[in-house]
Amino acid sequence: MSAMQMPDAPEGLEQDFALLGILNRAYVKRVVRNGEKLFEVHAADGSFLGQFHDRETAFAALRLQDMEPLSVH
C-alpha cells in the first residue's frame, strides 16, 4: 500500500512524517452521535477516515489497510 497523501502539506512534511512512521497510523476514538455510541477513525494528520459501530471492527478495518490503529481516550 502506498503512503497516504496529505493535501496542501508543506513540501517535505510527508517525508518527515514517513520517517517518524506515522503515515500508517490511525486513531480510533469513541464518540456519541445522536445518542448512538460510535468509533471514529482519523488519520495521523487529523483527517476523518470513517465511523464504526464497534472498536474491534474499526481496528480490523485499519489493519486490513496496513494501518496501525491506536486508541484515543
N, C-alpha and C. Protein backbone atom coordinates (compact mmCIF):
# COMPACT_ATOMS: atom_id res chain seq x y z
N MET A 1 0.84 -1.17 0.00
CA MET A 1 0.00 0.00 0.00
C MET A 1 0.88 1.23 0.00
N SER A 2 0.54 2.22 -0.77
CA SER A 2 1.34 3.43 -0.84
C SER A 2 1.03 4.32 0.35
N ALA A 3 1.92 5.26 0.64
CA ALA A 3 1.72 6.19 1.75
C ALA A 3 0.53 7.09 1.47
N MET A 4 -0.16 7.45 2.52
CA MET A 4 -1.31 8.34 2.41
C MET A 4 -0.85 9.72 1.94
N GLN A 5 -1.58 10.31 1.02
CA GLN A 5 -1.27 11.64 0.53
C GLN A 5 -1.90 12.68 1.44
N MET A 6 -1.17 13.72 1.79
CA MET A 6 -1.69 14.79 2.62
C MET A 6 -1.83 16.03 1.76
N PRO A 7 -3.09 16.43 1.47
CA PRO A 7 -3.28 17.60 0.62
C PRO A 7 -2.76 18.87 1.26
N ASP A 8 -2.18 19.74 0.44
CA ASP A 8 -1.70 21.04 0.88
C ASP A 8 -0.67 20.99 2.00
N ALA A 9 0.04 19.89 2.13
CA ALA A 9 1.09 19.79 3.14
C ALA A 9 2.33 20.53 2.64
N PRO A 10 3.03 21.21 3.54
CA PRO A 10 4.27 21.88 3.13
C PRO A 10 5.24 20.87 2.53
N GLU A 11 6.02 21.33 1.58
CA GLU A 11 6.97 20.45 0.90
C GLU A 11 7.89 19.79 1.92
N GLY A 12 8.02 18.48 1.83
CA GLY A 12 8.90 17.73 2.71
C GLY A 12 8.22 17.20 3.96
N LEU A 13 7.04 17.72 4.29
CA LEU A 13 6.37 17.30 5.52
C LEU A 13 5.97 15.83 5.46
N GLU A 14 5.46 15.39 4.32
CA GLU A 14 5.06 14.00 4.19
C GLU A 14 6.24 13.07 4.41
N GLN A 15 7.40 13.42 3.88
CA GLN A 15 8.60 12.60 4.09
C GLN A 15 9.01 12.61 5.56
N ASP A 16 8.86 13.77 6.22
CA ASP A 16 9.18 13.84 7.65
C ASP A 16 8.28 12.91 8.45
N PHE A 17 6.98 12.93 8.15
CA PHE A 17 6.05 12.04 8.83
C PHE A 17 6.40 10.58 8.54
N ALA A 18 6.76 10.28 7.31
CA ALA A 18 7.10 8.91 6.95
C ALA A 18 8.31 8.44 7.76
N LEU A 19 9.28 9.32 7.95
CA LEU A 19 10.45 8.96 8.75
C LEU A 19 10.06 8.66 10.19
N LEU A 20 9.06 9.33 10.68
CA LEU A 20 8.58 9.09 12.04
C LEU A 20 7.66 7.86 12.10
N GLY A 21 7.26 7.37 10.95
CA GLY A 21 6.41 6.18 10.88
C GLY A 21 4.96 6.44 11.20
N ILE A 22 4.48 7.68 11.04
CA ILE A 22 3.09 7.94 11.41
C ILE A 22 2.12 7.96 10.24
N LEU A 23 2.58 7.82 9.02
CA LEU A 23 1.65 7.80 7.89
C LEU A 23 0.79 6.54 7.89
N ASN A 24 1.26 5.51 8.55
CA ASN A 24 0.49 4.26 8.56
C ASN A 24 -0.29 4.09 9.86
N ARG A 25 -0.43 5.15 10.65
CA ARG A 25 -1.17 5.08 11.91
C ARG A 25 -2.50 5.80 11.77
N ALA A 26 -3.48 5.26 12.47
CA ALA A 26 -4.80 5.89 12.53
C ALA A 26 -5.28 5.85 13.97
N TYR A 27 -6.07 6.84 14.31
CA TYR A 27 -6.51 6.99 15.69
C TYR A 27 -8.01 6.71 15.78
N VAL A 28 -8.38 5.89 16.77
CA VAL A 28 -9.76 5.47 16.97
C VAL A 28 -10.26 6.09 18.27
N LYS A 29 -11.39 6.77 18.19
CA LYS A 29 -11.95 7.46 19.35
C LYS A 29 -13.43 7.17 19.48
N ARG A 30 -13.86 6.85 20.70
CA ARG A 30 -15.28 6.60 20.96
C ARG A 30 -16.00 7.94 21.06
N VAL A 31 -17.11 8.05 20.35
CA VAL A 31 -17.92 9.27 20.35
C VAL A 31 -19.39 8.89 20.47
N VAL A 32 -20.22 9.87 20.81
CA VAL A 32 -21.67 9.69 20.82
C VAL A 32 -22.24 10.67 19.82
N ARG A 33 -22.95 10.15 18.82
CA ARG A 33 -23.59 10.96 17.78
C ARG A 33 -25.08 10.63 17.76
N ASN A 34 -25.92 11.62 18.01
CA ASN A 34 -27.37 11.41 18.02
C ASN A 34 -27.76 10.27 18.96
N GLY A 35 -27.10 10.21 20.11
CA GLY A 35 -27.41 9.19 21.11
C GLY A 35 -26.83 7.82 20.82
N GLU A 36 -26.10 7.68 19.74
CA GLU A 36 -25.52 6.39 19.35
C GLU A 36 -24.02 6.39 19.62
N LYS A 37 -23.53 5.34 20.27
CA LYS A 37 -22.09 5.20 20.52
C LYS A 37 -21.42 4.67 19.27
N LEU A 38 -20.43 5.39 18.79
CA LEU A 38 -19.69 5.03 17.57
C LEU A 38 -18.20 5.16 17.83
N PHE A 39 -17.42 4.65 16.91
CA PHE A 39 -15.97 4.79 16.96
C PHE A 39 -15.52 5.48 15.68
N GLU A 40 -14.99 6.70 15.83
CA GLU A 40 -14.50 7.46 14.68
C GLU A 40 -13.03 7.16 14.47
N VAL A 41 -12.64 7.16 13.21
CA VAL A 41 -11.25 6.90 12.84
C VAL A 41 -10.70 8.12 12.11
N HIS A 42 -9.53 8.57 12.54
CA HIS A 42 -8.86 9.71 11.94
C HIS A 42 -7.43 9.33 11.59
N ALA A 43 -6.93 9.88 10.49
CA ALA A 43 -5.54 9.68 10.08
C ALA A 43 -4.63 10.49 10.99
N ALA A 44 -3.35 10.25 10.89
CA ALA A 44 -2.37 10.96 11.71
C ALA A 44 -2.41 12.46 11.48
N ASP A 45 -2.83 12.88 10.29
CA ASP A 45 -2.92 14.32 10.00
C ASP A 45 -4.24 14.92 10.46
N GLY A 46 -5.11 14.10 11.10
CA GLY A 46 -6.37 14.59 11.62
C GLY A 46 -7.56 14.42 10.69
N SER A 47 -7.33 14.01 9.46
CA SER A 47 -8.44 13.87 8.53
C SER A 47 -9.32 12.68 8.91
N PHE A 48 -10.62 12.86 8.74
CA PHE A 48 -11.61 11.84 9.07
C PHE A 48 -11.54 10.70 8.07
N LEU A 49 -11.50 9.46 8.58
CA LEU A 49 -11.46 8.29 7.70
C LEU A 49 -12.76 7.49 7.72
N GLY A 50 -13.47 7.51 8.85
CA GLY A 50 -14.71 6.74 8.89
C GLY A 50 -15.24 6.55 10.29
N GLN A 51 -16.42 5.87 10.36
CA GLN A 51 -17.07 5.55 11.62
C GLN A 51 -17.42 4.07 11.63
N PHE A 52 -17.38 3.50 12.83
CA PHE A 52 -17.73 2.09 13.00
C PHE A 52 -18.60 1.95 14.25
N HIS A 53 -19.38 0.88 14.28
CA HIS A 53 -20.25 0.65 15.43
C HIS A 53 -19.52 0.04 16.62
N ASP A 54 -18.36 -0.57 16.38
CA ASP A 54 -17.60 -1.12 17.50
C ASP A 54 -16.10 -0.98 17.24
N ARG A 55 -15.36 -0.99 18.32
CA ARG A 55 -13.90 -0.78 18.28
C ARG A 55 -13.21 -1.90 17.51
N GLU A 56 -13.64 -3.13 17.72
CA GLU A 56 -12.99 -4.28 17.08
C GLU A 56 -13.07 -4.19 15.55
N THR A 57 -14.22 -3.78 15.05
CA THR A 57 -14.38 -3.64 13.60
C THR A 57 -13.51 -2.51 13.06
N ALA A 58 -13.44 -1.41 13.80
CA ALA A 58 -12.59 -0.29 13.39
C ALA A 58 -11.13 -0.74 13.30
N PHE A 59 -10.65 -1.43 14.33
CA PHE A 59 -9.27 -1.90 14.34
C PHE A 59 -9.01 -2.89 13.21
N ALA A 60 -9.96 -3.82 12.99
CA ALA A 60 -9.79 -4.81 11.93
C ALA A 60 -9.73 -4.15 10.56
N ALA A 61 -10.61 -3.17 10.32
CA ALA A 61 -10.62 -2.48 9.03
C ALA A 61 -9.31 -1.75 8.79
N LEU A 62 -8.77 -1.12 9.83
CA LEU A 62 -7.49 -0.42 9.67
C LEU A 62 -6.36 -1.39 9.40
N ARG A 63 -6.34 -2.51 10.08
CA ARG A 63 -5.27 -3.50 9.86
C ARG A 63 -5.34 -4.07 8.44
N LEU A 64 -6.56 -4.21 7.90
CA LEU A 64 -6.70 -4.68 6.52
C LEU A 64 -6.09 -3.69 5.53
N GLN A 65 -6.00 -2.43 5.92
CA GLN A 65 -5.40 -1.39 5.08
C GLN A 65 -3.94 -1.15 5.44
N ASP A 66 -3.33 -2.09 6.17
CA ASP A 66 -1.93 -1.99 6.59
C ASP A 66 -1.67 -0.75 7.44
N MET A 67 -2.66 -0.38 8.25
CA MET A 67 -2.50 0.75 9.14
C MET A 67 -2.47 0.25 10.58
N GLU A 68 -1.79 0.98 11.43
CA GLU A 68 -1.70 0.63 12.85
C GLU A 68 -2.73 1.44 13.63
N PRO A 69 -3.76 0.78 14.17
CA PRO A 69 -4.77 1.52 14.93
C PRO A 69 -4.28 1.84 16.34
N LEU A 70 -4.58 3.05 16.79
CA LEU A 70 -4.24 3.49 18.14
C LEU A 70 -5.49 4.09 18.78
N SER A 71 -5.71 3.78 20.05
CA SER A 71 -6.87 4.32 20.76
C SER A 71 -6.57 5.73 21.26
N VAL A 72 -7.58 6.57 21.19
CA VAL A 72 -7.51 7.92 21.75
C VAL A 72 -8.56 7.97 22.84
N HIS A 73 -8.15 8.42 24.01
CA HIS A 73 -9.09 8.48 25.15
C HIS A 73 -9.50 9.89 25.40
